[in-house]
Amino acid sequence: MKTFISIKAFAIALCLGTVISVSAQRVTYDKADSTEIVAMLQNGKPSTLHFANQLLGRPYVAHTLEVNDNEQLVVNTHELDCTTLVETVTALTLCAENGKKTFADYCEVLQQLRYRQGQLTDYTSRLHYFSDWIEDKQKMGIVTEVQKNTYPFTAIQQLDLYYMSRHPSAYASLKRHPEMVKEIARQEYILKGRHFRYIPKKDVKNTAALRSTVKDGDIIAITCKKPGLDIAHLGFAVWKEDGLHLLNASQLHKKVVLEPMTLRQYLYKHPSHTGIRIIRIQNKNKN
């Protein structure tokens, strides 16, 4: 059963001593999720892959954030897509790194990740394009995108985002609130023409160069050539003896998995995938 409660009231009720920054907003969550998050934070170590491994086997479910007419902070650890997996694990990692162990702490960090400058106002304050997410979280000092002018970053992605504003019927909130399309289009326009270096899939190999560039637990953002989009899929880097693998919420496997095939093989199975961008969470501990 879903619970709807203001974050401030939740914090006070549990005597947590922490009030979420946007106290007027509400959280949608299951009691089982809040209990599990607290247990993971009490017993976990500040390691991205530690928390990602706790979520292996969780069902892949799309659109889990689209459950309310008005935008609310949705907490859901038992149904994940590629973006919510990355946000969930990153929030857990940052909480553990900073000694935060309560559900209110987790909600505060999750809100900081999911929304522009951590401010939840409405649907348009959520960071829908991952390039926008990367830029915003870099400004907040939460992540760093690994960018070099040398091998293996031999390709350049130039943004031309328009998919959401041209396909509003594909998004429940935009169907309900067509007045928001103009703001989404404005956000897309701001990003137009931005350049980012990435590793093309031909260079995603089991080499010393790639192993020194990509670290276990890095966020992998798969670039694509689909018109109007920037990133096709997300996951976490896991090195094995045969090469780099992707821990992800998989639509194909219908659950969170560590892909048995290498990331190189995975990329070549998808013609629209062009390569990878690498984002590193700014925590002091190694994964």
C-alpha atoms as a PDB file:
ATOM      1  CA  MET A   1       0.000   0.000   0.000  1.00  0.00           C
ATOM      2  CA  LYS A   2       1.351   3.405  -1.006  1.00  0.00           C
ATOM      3  CA  THR A   3       1.812   6.028   1.672  1.00  0.00           C
ATOM      4  CA  PHE A   4       1.524   9.741   0.934  1.00  0.00           C
ATOM      5  CA  ILE A   5       3.010  12.015   3.573  1.00  0.00           C
ATOM      6  CA  SER A   6       4.785  15.340   3.644  1.00  0.00           C
ATOM      7  CA  ILE A   7       8.511  14.897   4.077  1.00  0.00           C
ATOM      8  CA  LYS A   8       8.545  17.305   7.009  1.00  0.00           C
ATOM      9  CA  ALA A   9       5.767  15.459   8.792  1.00  0.00           C
ATOM     10  CA  PHE A  10       7.506  12.158   8.128  1.00  0.00           C
ATOM     11  CA  ALA A  11      10.738  13.419   9.633  1.00  0.00           C
ATOM     12  CA  ILE A  12       9.055  14.827  12.706  1.00  0.00           C
ATOM     13  CA  ALA A  13       6.865  11.771  13.244  1.00  0.00           C
ATOM     14  CA  LEU A  14       9.868   9.478  13.363  1.00  0.00           C
ATOM     15  CA  CYS A  15      11.942  11.917  15.430  1.00  0.00           C
ATOM     16  CA  LEU A  16      14.657  11.805  12.791  1.00  0.00           C
ATOM     17  CA  GLY A  17      15.921  15.289  13.410  1.00  0.00           C
ATOM     18  CA  THR A  18      16.260  15.978   9.676  1.00  0.00           C
ATOM     19  CA  VAL A  19      13.821  18.042   7.641  1.00  0.00           C
ATOM     20  CA  ILE A  20      13.823  17.785   3.866  1.00  0.00           C
ATOM     21  CA  SER A  21      14.649  21.067   2.154  1.00  0.00           C
ATOM     22  CA  VAL A  22      11.346  21.304   0.258  1.00  0.00           C
ATOM     23  CA  SER A  23       9.068  20.437   3.169  1.00  0.00           C
ATOM     24  CA  ALA A  24       5.816  21.277   1.382  1.00  0.00           C
ATOM     25  CA  GLN A  25       6.297  18.442  -1.086  1.00  0.00           C
ATOM     26  CA  ARG A  26       5.140  14.898  -0.493  1.00  0.00           C
ATOM     27  CA  VAL A  27       6.693  11.471  -0.757  1.00  0.00           C
ATOM     28  CA  THR A  28       5.079   8.408  -2.312  1.00  0.00           C
ATOM     29  CA  TYR A  29       6.492   5.171  -0.915  1.00  0.00           C
ATOM     30  CA  ASP A  30       5.737   1.704   0.393  1.00  0.00           C
ATOM     31  CA  LYS A  31       6.499   0.925   4.007  1.00  0.00           C
ATOM     32  CA  ALA A  32       8.552  -2.050   2.814  1.00  0.00           C
ATOM     33  CA  ASP A  33      10.751   0.307   0.803  1.00  0.00           C
ATOM     34  CA  SER A  34      11.411   2.649   3.720  1.00  0.00           C
ATOM     35  CA  THR A  35      12.224  -0.295   5.982  1.00  0.00           C
ATOM     36  CA  GLU A  36      14.606  -1.806   3.456  1.00  0.00           C
ATOM     37  CA  ILE A  37      16.378   1.483   2.761  1.00  0.00           C
ATOM     38  CA  VAL A  38      17.026   2.026   6.462  1.00  0.00           C
ATOM     39  CA  ALA A  39      18.303  -1.550   6.799  1.00  0.00           C
ATOM     40  CA  MET A  40      20.670  -1.103   3.838  1.00  0.00           C
ATOM     41  CA  LEU A  41      21.980   2.168   5.232  1.00  0.00           C
ATOM     42  CA  GLN A  42      22.456   0.725   8.704  1.00  0.00           C
ATOM     43  CA  ASN A  43      24.350  -2.303   7.423  1.00  0.00           C
ATOM     44  CA  GLY A  44      25.849  -1.119   4.152  1.00  0.00           C
ATOM     45  CA  LYS A  45      29.242   0.255   3.275  1.00  0.00           C
ATOM     46  CA  PRO A  46      29.747   3.345   1.113  1.00  0.00           C
ATOM     47  CA  SER A  47      30.260   1.443  -2.110  1.00  0.00           C
ATOM     48  CA  THR A  48      28.265   1.865  -5.305  1.00  0.00           C
ATOM     49  CA  LEU A  49      28.524  -1.766  -6.330  1.00  0.00           C
ATOM     50  CA  HIS A  50      27.686  -2.944  -2.820  1.00  0.00           C
ATOM     51  CA  PHE A  51      24.284  -1.261  -3.057  1.00  0.00           C
ATOM     52  CA  ALA A  52      23.776  -2.139  -6.722  1.00  0.00           C
ATOM     53  CA  ASN A  53      24.323  -5.808  -5.909  1.00  0.00           C
ATOM     54  CA  GLN A  54      21.615  -5.599  -3.217  1.00  0.00           C
ATOM     55  CA  LEU A  55      19.116  -4.802  -5.970  1.00  0.00           C
ATOM     56  CA  LEU A  56      19.971  -7.638  -8.350  1.00  0.00           C
ATOM     57  CA  GLY A  57      16.864  -9.541  -9.376  1.00  0.00           C
ATOM     58  CA  ARG A  58      14.426  -6.668  -8.758  1.00  0.00           C
ATOM     59  CA  PRO A  59      11.796  -6.508 -11.512  1.00  0.00           C
ATOM     60  CA  TYR A  60      12.243  -4.075 -14.376  1.00  0.00           C
ATOM     61  CA  VAL A  61       9.199  -1.795 -14.491  1.00  0.00           C
ATOM     62  CA  ALA A  62       8.996   1.373 -16.575  1.00  0.00           C
ATOM     63  CA  HIS A  63       7.217   4.621 -15.660  1.00  0.00           C
ATOM     64  CA  THR A  64       7.255   4.044 -11.904  1.00  0.00           C
ATOM     65  CA  LEU A  65       7.586   7.786 -11.308  1.00  0.00           C
ATOM     66  CA  GLU A  66       4.387   8.556 -13.208  1.00  0.00           C
ATOM     67  CA  VAL A  67       1.954   7.597 -10.449  1.00  0.00           C
ATOM     68  CA  ASN A  68       0.659  10.992  -9.309  1.00  0.00           C
ATOM     69  CA  ASP A  69      -1.135  13.794 -11.087  1.00  0.00           C
ATOM     70  CA  ASN A  70       1.022  16.339  -9.265  1.00  0.00           C
ATOM     71  CA  GLU A  71       4.756  15.692  -9.118  1.00  0.00           C
ATOM     72  CA  GLN A  72       5.862  13.975  -5.913  1.00  0.00           C
ATOM     73  CA  LEU A  73       9.060  12.308  -4.802  1.00  0.00           C
ATOM     74  CA  VAL A  74       8.485   8.637  -5.600  1.00  0.00           C
ATOM     75  CA  VAL A  75      10.534   6.078  -3.672  1.00  0.00           C
ATOM     76  CA  ASN A  76      10.365   2.585  -5.169  1.00  0.00           C
ATOM     77  CA  THR A  77      13.111   0.010  -4.658  1.00  0.00           C
ATOM     78  CA  HIS A  78      11.078  -3.043  -5.633  1.00  0.00           C
ATOM     79  CA  GLU A  79      10.396  -1.925  -9.232  1.00  0.00           C
ATOM     80  CA  LEU A  80      13.193  -0.242 -11.158  1.00  0.00           C
ATOM     81  CA  ASP A  81      14.091   1.045 -14.594  1.00  0.00           C
ATOM     82  CA  CYS A  82      17.580   2.039 -15.694  1.00  0.00           C
ATOM     83  CA  THR A  83      17.296   5.626 -14.458  1.00  0.00           C
ATOM     84  CA  THR A  84      15.684   4.881 -11.098  1.00  0.00           C
ATOM     85  CA  LEU A  85      18.274   2.147 -10.492  1.00  0.00           C
ATOM     86  CA  VAL A  86      21.073   4.670 -10.994  1.00  0.00           C
ATOM     87  CA  GLU A  87      19.342   7.256  -8.793  1.00  0.00           C
ATOM     88  CA  THR A  88      18.554   4.743  -6.046  1.00  0.00           C
ATOM     89  CA  VAL A  89      22.078   3.353  -5.872  1.00  0.00           C
ATOM     90  CA  THR A  90      23.662   6.793  -6.075  1.00  0.00           C
ATOM     91  CA  ALA A  91      21.437   8.092  -3.264  1.00  0.00           C
ATOM     92  CA  LEU A  92      22.299   5.099  -1.068  1.00  0.00           C
ATOM     93  CA  THR A  93      26.001   5.539  -1.795  1.00  0.00           C
ATOM     94  CA  LEU A  94      25.983   9.243  -0.958  1.00  0.00           C
ATOM     95  CA  CYS A  95      24.008   8.643   2.235  1.00  0.00           C
ATOM     96  CA  ALA A  96      26.413   5.947   3.389  1.00  0.00           C
ATOM     97  CA  GLU A  97      29.416   8.084   2.486  1.00  0.00           C
ATOM     98  CA  ASN A  98      28.102  10.932   4.606  1.00  0.00           C
ATOM     99  CA  GLY A  99      26.879   8.873   7.562  1.00  0.00           C
ATOM    100  CA  LYS A 100      23.195   9.425   6.787  1.00  0.00           C
ATOM    101  CA  LYS A 101      21.137   6.450   7.959  1.00  0.00           C
ATOM    102  CA  THR A 102      17.471   7.480   8.058  1.00  0.00           C
ATOM    103  CA  PHE A 103      14.720   7.299   5.477  1.00  0.00           C
ATOM    104  CA  ALA A 104      14.318  11.073   5.623  1.00  0.00           C
ATOM    105  CA  ASP A 105      18.037  11.411   4.851  1.00  0.00           C
ATOM    106  CA  TYR A 106      17.617   9.141   1.851  1.00  0.00           C
ATOM    107  CA  CYS A 107      14.595  11.093   0.572  1.00  0.00           C
ATOM    108  CA  GLU A 108      16.514  14.338   0.824  1.00  0.00           C
ATOM    109  CA  VAL A 109      19.444  12.970  -1.174  1.00  0.00           C
ATOM    110  CA  LEU A 110      17.162  11.344  -3.754  1.00  0.00           C
ATOM    111  CA  GLN A 111      15.390  14.654  -4.277  1.00  0.00           C
ATOM    112  CA  GLN A 112      18.757  16.369  -4.718  1.00  0.00           C
ATOM    113  CA  LEU A 113      19.573  13.883  -7.478  1.00  0.00           C
ATOM    114  CA  ARG A 114      16.282  13.736  -9.328  1.00  0.00           C
ATOM    115  CA  TYR A 115      15.440  17.424  -9.631  1.00  0.00           C
ATOM    116  CA  ARG A 116      17.155  20.496 -11.024  1.00  0.00           C
ATOM    117  CA  GLN A 117      19.375  21.900  -8.269  1.00  0.00           C
ATOM    118  CA  GLY A 118      17.466  19.586  -5.911  1.00  0.00           C
ATOM    119  CA  GLN A 119      14.301  21.704  -6.061  1.00  0.00           C
ATOM    120  CA  LEU A 120      11.031  19.826  -6.626  1.00  0.00           C
ATOM    121  CA  THR A 121       8.318  22.095  -8.023  1.00  0.00           C
ATOM    122  CA  ASP A 122       6.498  20.252 -10.792  1.00  0.00           C
ATOM    123  CA  TYR A 123       7.101  17.717 -13.566  1.00  0.00           C
ATOM    124  CA  THR A 124       9.382  20.099 -15.452  1.00  0.00           C
ATOM    125  CA  SER A 125      11.757  20.374 -12.479  1.00  0.00           C
ATOM    126  CA  ARG A 126      12.621  16.691 -12.870  1.00  0.00           C
ATOM    127  CA  LEU A 127      15.741  16.091 -14.979  1.00  0.00           C
ATOM    128  CA  HIS A 128      14.372  14.089 -17.894  1.00  0.00           C
ATOM    129  CA  TYR A 129      17.383  14.019 -20.242  1.00  0.00           C
ATOM    130  CA  PHE A 130      20.451  12.387 -18.738  1.00  0.00           C
ATOM    131  CA  SER A 131      22.816  14.931 -20.299  1.00  0.00           C
ATOM    132  CA  ASP A 132      20.876  17.557 -18.343  1.00  0.00           C
ATOM    133  CA  TRP A 133      21.167  15.368 -15.221  1.00  0.00           C
ATOM    134  CA  ILE A 134      24.942  15.086 -15.631  1.00  0.00           C
ATOM    135  CA  GLU A 135      25.410  18.827 -16.075  1.00  0.00           C
ATOM    136  CA  ASP A 136      23.184  19.724 -13.132  1.00  0.00           C
ATOM    137  CA  LYS A 137      24.758  17.208 -10.747  1.00  0.00           C
ATOM    138  CA  GLN A 138      28.232  18.364 -11.766  1.00  0.00           C
ATOM    139  CA  LYS A 139      27.254  21.929 -10.838  1.00  0.00           C
ATOM    140  CA  MET A 140      26.130  20.586  -7.460  1.00  0.00           C
ATOM    141  CA  GLY A 141      29.442  18.760  -6.960  1.00  0.00           C
ATOM    142  CA  ILE A 142      27.789  15.345  -6.808  1.00  0.00           C
ATOM    143  CA  VAL A 143      29.326  13.708  -9.893  1.00  0.00           C
ATOM    144  CA  THR A 144      32.094  14.293 -12.402  1.00  0.00           C
ATOM    145  CA  GLU A 145      31.951  13.272 -16.020  1.00  0.00           C
ATOM    146  CA  VAL A 146      35.213  11.687 -17.136  1.00  0.00           C
ATOM    147  CA  GLN A 147      36.273  13.625 -20.246  1.00  0.00           C
ATOM    148  CA  LYS A 148      39.618  13.570 -21.997  1.00  0.00           C
ATOM    149  CA  ASN A 149      40.931  14.816 -25.322  1.00  0.00           C
ATOM    150  CA  THR A 150      42.869  11.599 -25.793  1.00  0.00           C
ATOM    151  CA  TYR A 151      42.146   7.937 -26.477  1.00  0.00           C
ATOM    152  CA  PRO A 152      39.723   6.292 -25.840  1.00  0.00           C
ATOM    153  CA  PHE A 153      37.531   9.446 -25.944  1.00  0.00           C
ATOM    154  CA  THR A 154      37.764   9.687 -29.719  1.00  0.00           C
ATOM    155  CA  ALA A 155      34.154  10.585 -30.562  1.00  0.00           C
ATOM    156  CA  ILE A 156      32.045  13.680 -29.945  1.00  0.00           C
ATOM    157  CA  GLN A 157      28.322  13.783 -29.193  1.00  0.00           C
ATOM    158  CA  GLN A 158      26.523  16.974 -30.218  1.00  0.00           C
ATOM    159  CA  LEU A 159      23.130  17.398 -28.593  1.00  0.00           C
ATOM    160  CA  ASP A 160      19.946  18.103 -30.504  1.00  0.00           C
ATOM    161  CA  LEU A 161      17.201  17.174 -28.071  1.00  0.00           C
ATOM    162  CA  TYR A 162      13.541  17.413 -29.003  1.00  0.00           C
ATOM    163  CA  TYR A 163      11.935  14.034 -28.477  1.00  0.00           C
ATOM    164  CA  MET A 164       9.813  14.922 -25.434  1.00  0.00           C
ATOM    165  CA  SER A 165       8.425  18.183 -26.763  1.00  0.00           C
ATOM    166  CA  ARG A 166       7.552  16.599 -30.119  1.00  0.00           C
ATOM    167  CA  HIS A 167       6.043  13.462 -28.599  1.00  0.00           C
ATOM    168  CA  PRO A 168       4.130  14.714 -25.535  1.00  0.00           C
ATOM    169  CA  SER A 169       1.532  11.964 -25.912  1.00  0.00           C
ATOM    170  CA  ALA A 170       4.250   9.476 -24.901  1.00  0.00           C
ATOM    171  CA  TYR A 171       4.462  11.074 -21.428  1.00  0.00           C
ATOM    172  CA  ALA A 172       1.520  10.816 -19.041  1.00  0.00           C
ATOM    173  CA  SER A 173       2.239  14.111 -17.295  1.00  0.00           C
ATOM    174  CA  LEU A 174       2.544  16.029 -20.552  1.00  0.00           C
ATOM    175  CA  LYS A 175      -0.713  14.521 -21.754  1.00  0.00           C
ATOM    176  CA  ARG A 176      -2.399  15.722 -18.576  1.00  0.00           C
ATOM    177  CA  HIS A 177      -0.604  19.071 -18.570  1.00  0.00           C
ATOM    178  CA  PRO A 178       0.059  20.195 -22.158  1.00  0.00           C
ATOM    179  CA  GLU A 179       0.959  23.639 -20.840  1.00  0.00           C
ATOM    180  CA  MET A 180       4.245  22.133 -19.620  1.00  0.00           C
ATOM    181  CA  VAL A 181       5.437  21.218 -23.123  1.00  0.00           C
ATOM    182  CA  LYS A 182       6.676  24.764 -23.709  1.00  0.00           C
ATOM    183  CA  GLU A 183       8.983  24.566 -20.677  1.00  0.00           C
ATOM    184  CA  ILE A 184      10.293  21.158 -21.744  1.00  0.00           C
ATOM    185  CA  ALA A 185      11.055  22.591 -25.196  1.00  0.00           C
ATOM    186  CA  ARG A 186      12.882  25.505 -23.572  1.00  0.00           C
ATOM    187  CA  GLN A 187      15.055  23.103 -21.578  1.00  0.00           C
ATOM    188  CA  GLU A 188      15.817  21.123 -24.741  1.00  0.00           C
ATOM    189  CA  TYR A 189      16.817  24.312 -26.570  1.00  0.00           C
ATOM    190  CA  ILE A 190      19.246  25.306 -23.805  1.00  0.00           C
ATOM    191  CA  LEU A 191      21.123  22.025 -24.327  1.00  0.00           C
ATOM    192  CA  LYS A 192      21.159  22.244 -28.132  1.00  0.00           C
ATOM    193  CA  GLY A 193      24.649  22.155 -29.597  1.00  0.00           C
ATOM    194  CA  ARG A 194      26.446  21.089 -26.410  1.00  0.00           C
ATOM    195  CA  HIS A 195      29.432  18.828 -27.147  1.00  0.00           C
ATOM    196  CA  PHE A 196      30.665  15.899 -25.096  1.00  0.00           C
ATOM    197  CA  ARG A 197      33.500  13.496 -25.756  1.00  0.00           C
ATOM    198  CA  TYR A 198      32.639   9.830 -25.447  1.00  0.00           C
ATOM    199  CA  ILE A 199      34.141   6.404 -26.035  1.00  0.00           C
ATOM    200  CA  PRO A 200      32.824   4.914 -29.309  1.00  0.00           C
ATOM    201  CA  LYS A 201      31.742   1.317 -29.098  1.00  0.00           C
ATOM    202  CA  LYS A 202      34.596   0.168 -31.352  1.00  0.00           C
ATOM    203  CA  ASP A 203      36.966   1.197 -28.551  1.00  0.00           C
ATOM    204  CA  VAL A 204      35.064  -0.475 -25.709  1.00  0.00           C
ATOM    205  CA  LYS A 205      37.615  -3.271 -25.452  1.00  0.00           C
ATOM    206  CA  ASN A 206      39.339  -5.242 -22.722  1.00  0.00           C
ATOM    207  CA  THR A 207      42.453  -3.084 -22.808  1.00  0.00           C
ATOM    208  CA  ALA A 208      44.728  -1.456 -20.267  1.00  0.00           C
ATOM    209  CA  ALA A 209      43.644   1.941 -21.604  1.00  0.00           C
ATOM    210  CA  LEU A 210      39.971   1.280 -20.927  1.00  0.00           C
ATOM    211  CA  ARG A 211      40.637  -0.339 -17.559  1.00  0.00           C
ATOM    212  CA  SER A 212      42.547   2.744 -16.448  1.00  0.00           C
ATOM    213  CA  THR A 213      39.732   5.011 -17.673  1.00  0.00           C
ATOM    214  CA  VAL A 214      36.585   3.249 -16.449  1.00  0.00           C
ATOM    215  CA  LYS A 215      36.405   2.210 -12.807  1.00  0.00           C
ATOM    216  CA  ASP A 216      34.138  -0.324 -11.093  1.00  0.00           C
ATOM    217  CA  GLY A 217      30.970   1.464 -10.009  1.00  0.00           C
ATOM    218  CA  ASP A 218      31.162   4.277 -12.563  1.00  0.00           C
ATOM    219  CA  ILE A 219      27.846   5.214 -14.136  1.00  0.00           C
ATOM    220  CA  ILE A 220      27.796   4.227 -17.801  1.00  0.00           C
ATOM    221  CA  ALA A 221      25.536   6.291 -20.065  1.00  0.00           C
ATOM    222  CA  ILE A 222      25.075   4.670 -23.465  1.00  0.00           C
ATOM    223  CA  THR A 223      24.969   7.240 -26.239  1.00  0.00           C
ATOM    224  CA  CYS A 224      22.665   6.722 -29.186  1.00  0.00           C
ATOM    225  CA  LYS A 225      21.753   8.022 -32.629  1.00  0.00           C
ATOM    226  CA  LYS A 226      17.998   8.000 -32.118  1.00  0.00           C
ATOM    227  CA  PRO A 227      16.636  11.345 -33.351  1.00  0.00           C
ATOM    228  CA  GLY A 228      15.941  13.823 -30.567  1.00  0.00           C
ATOM    229  CA  LEU A 229      17.555  11.758 -27.807  1.00  0.00           C
ATOM    230  CA  ASP A 230      20.956  11.677 -26.131  1.00  0.00           C
ATOM    231  CA  ILE A 231      21.203   8.577 -23.940  1.00  0.00           C
ATOM    232  CA  ALA A 232      19.565   5.211 -24.607  1.00  0.00           C
ATOM    233  CA  HIS A 233      20.381   3.326 -21.422  1.00  0.00           C
ATOM    234  CA  LEU A 234      22.189   3.519 -18.071  1.00  0.00           C
ATOM    235  CA  GLY A 235      23.956   1.169 -15.724  1.00  0.00           C
ATOM    236  CA  PHE A 236      27.061   0.617 -13.622  1.00  0.00           C
ATOM    237  CA  ALA A 237      30.506  -0.524 -14.718  1.00  0.00           C
ATOM    238  CA  VAL A 238      31.695  -3.926 -13.533  1.00  0.00           C
ATOM    239  CA  TRP A 239      35.042  -5.280 -14.647  1.00  0.00           C
ATOM    240  CA  LYS A 240      35.453  -9.033 -15.071  1.00  0.00           C
ATOM    241  CA  GLU A 241      38.301 -11.059 -16.509  1.00  0.00           C
ATOM    242  CA  ASP A 242      36.806 -11.054 -20.003  1.00  0.00           C
ATOM    243  CA  GLY A 243      36.169  -7.305 -20.026  1.00  0.00           C
ATOM    244  CA  LEU A 244      33.734  -4.596 -19.009  1.00  0.00           C
ATOM    245  CA  HIS A 245      30.157  -5.586 -18.094  1.00  0.00           C
ATOM    246  CA  LEU A 246      27.007  -3.600 -17.353  1.00  0.00           C
ATOM    247  CA  LEU A 247      24.956  -3.932 -14.164  1.00  0.00           C
ATOM    248  CA  ASN A 248      21.574  -2.559 -15.191  1.00  0.00           C
ATOM    249  CA  ALA A 249      17.818  -2.686 -14.925  1.00  0.00           C
ATOM    250  CA  SER A 250      17.233  -4.651 -18.101  1.00  0.00           C
ATOM    251  CA  GLN A 251      14.073  -4.485 -20.154  1.00  0.00           C
ATOM    252  CA  LEU A 252      15.231  -7.620 -21.998  1.00  0.00           C
ATOM    253  CA  HIS A 253      15.817  -9.687 -18.843  1.00  0.00           C
ATOM    254  CA  LYS A 254      12.885  -7.953 -17.073  1.00  0.00           C
ATOM    255  CA  LYS A 255      14.972  -7.451 -13.944  1.00  0.00           C
ATOM    256  CA  VAL A 256      18.150  -5.912 -12.541  1.00  0.00           C
ATOM    257  CA  VAL A 257      21.053  -8.018 -13.773  1.00  0.00           C
ATOM    258  CA  LEU A 258      24.772  -8.062 -14.311  1.00  0.00           C
ATOM    259  CA  GLU A 259      24.833  -8.663 -18.056  1.00  0.00           C
ATOM    260  CA  PRO A 260      26.485 -11.997 -18.843  1.00  0.00           C
ATOM    261  CA  MET A 261      27.808 -10.636 -22.145  1.00  0.00           C
ATOM    262  CA  THR A 262      30.495  -7.974 -22.199  1.00  0.00           C
ATOM    263  CA  LEU A 263      29.472  -4.359 -22.694  1.00  0.00           C
ATOM    264  CA  ARG A 264      31.156  -4.422 -26.097  1.00  0.00           C
ATOM    265  CA  GLN A 265      28.935  -7.341 -27.148  1.00  0.00           C
ATOM    266  CA  TYR A 266      25.912  -5.587 -25.680  1.00  0.00           C
ATOM    267  CA  LEU A 267      26.584  -2.389 -27.624  1.00  0.00           C
ATOM    268  CA  TYR A 268      26.988  -4.236 -30.917  1.00  0.00           C
ATOM    269  CA  LYS A 269      23.660  -6.011 -30.405  1.00  0.00           C
ATOM    270  CA  HIS A 270      21.986  -2.576 -30.543  1.00  0.00           C
ATOM    271  CA  PRO A 271      22.650  -0.770 -33.847  1.00  0.00           C
ATOM    272  CA  SER A 272      21.441   2.569 -32.478  1.00  0.00           C
ATOM    273  CA  HIS A 273      23.996   2.530 -29.641  1.00  0.00           C
ATOM    274  CA  THR A 274      27.103   4.527 -30.487  1.00  0.00           C
ATOM    275  CA  GLY A 275      29.283   4.367 -27.381  1.00  0.00           C
ATOM    276  CA  ILE A 276      29.521   5.317 -23.716  1.00  0.00           C
ATOM    277  CA  ARG A 277      29.918   8.344 -21.479  1.00  0.00           C
ATOM    278  CA  ILE A 278      31.440   7.828 -18.030  1.00  0.00           C
ATOM    279  CA  ILE A 279      30.137   9.554 -14.890  1.00  0.00           C
ATOM    280  CA  ARG A 280      31.818   9.150 -11.512  1.00  0.00           C
ATOM    281  CA  ILE A 281      30.098   9.689  -8.172  1.00  0.00           C
ATOM    282  CA  GLN A 282      32.161  12.000  -5.989  1.00  0.00           C
ATOM    283  CA  ASN A 283      32.642   9.813  -2.934  1.00  0.00           C
ATOM    284  CA  LYS A 284      35.930   9.287  -1.148  1.00  0.00           C
ATOM    285  CA  ASN A 285      35.773   5.510  -0.948  1.00  0.00           C
ATOM    286  CA  LYS A 286      36.581   3.221  -3.787  1.00  0.00           C
ATOM    287  CA  ASN A 287      34.100   0.682  -5.059  1.00  0.00           C
END
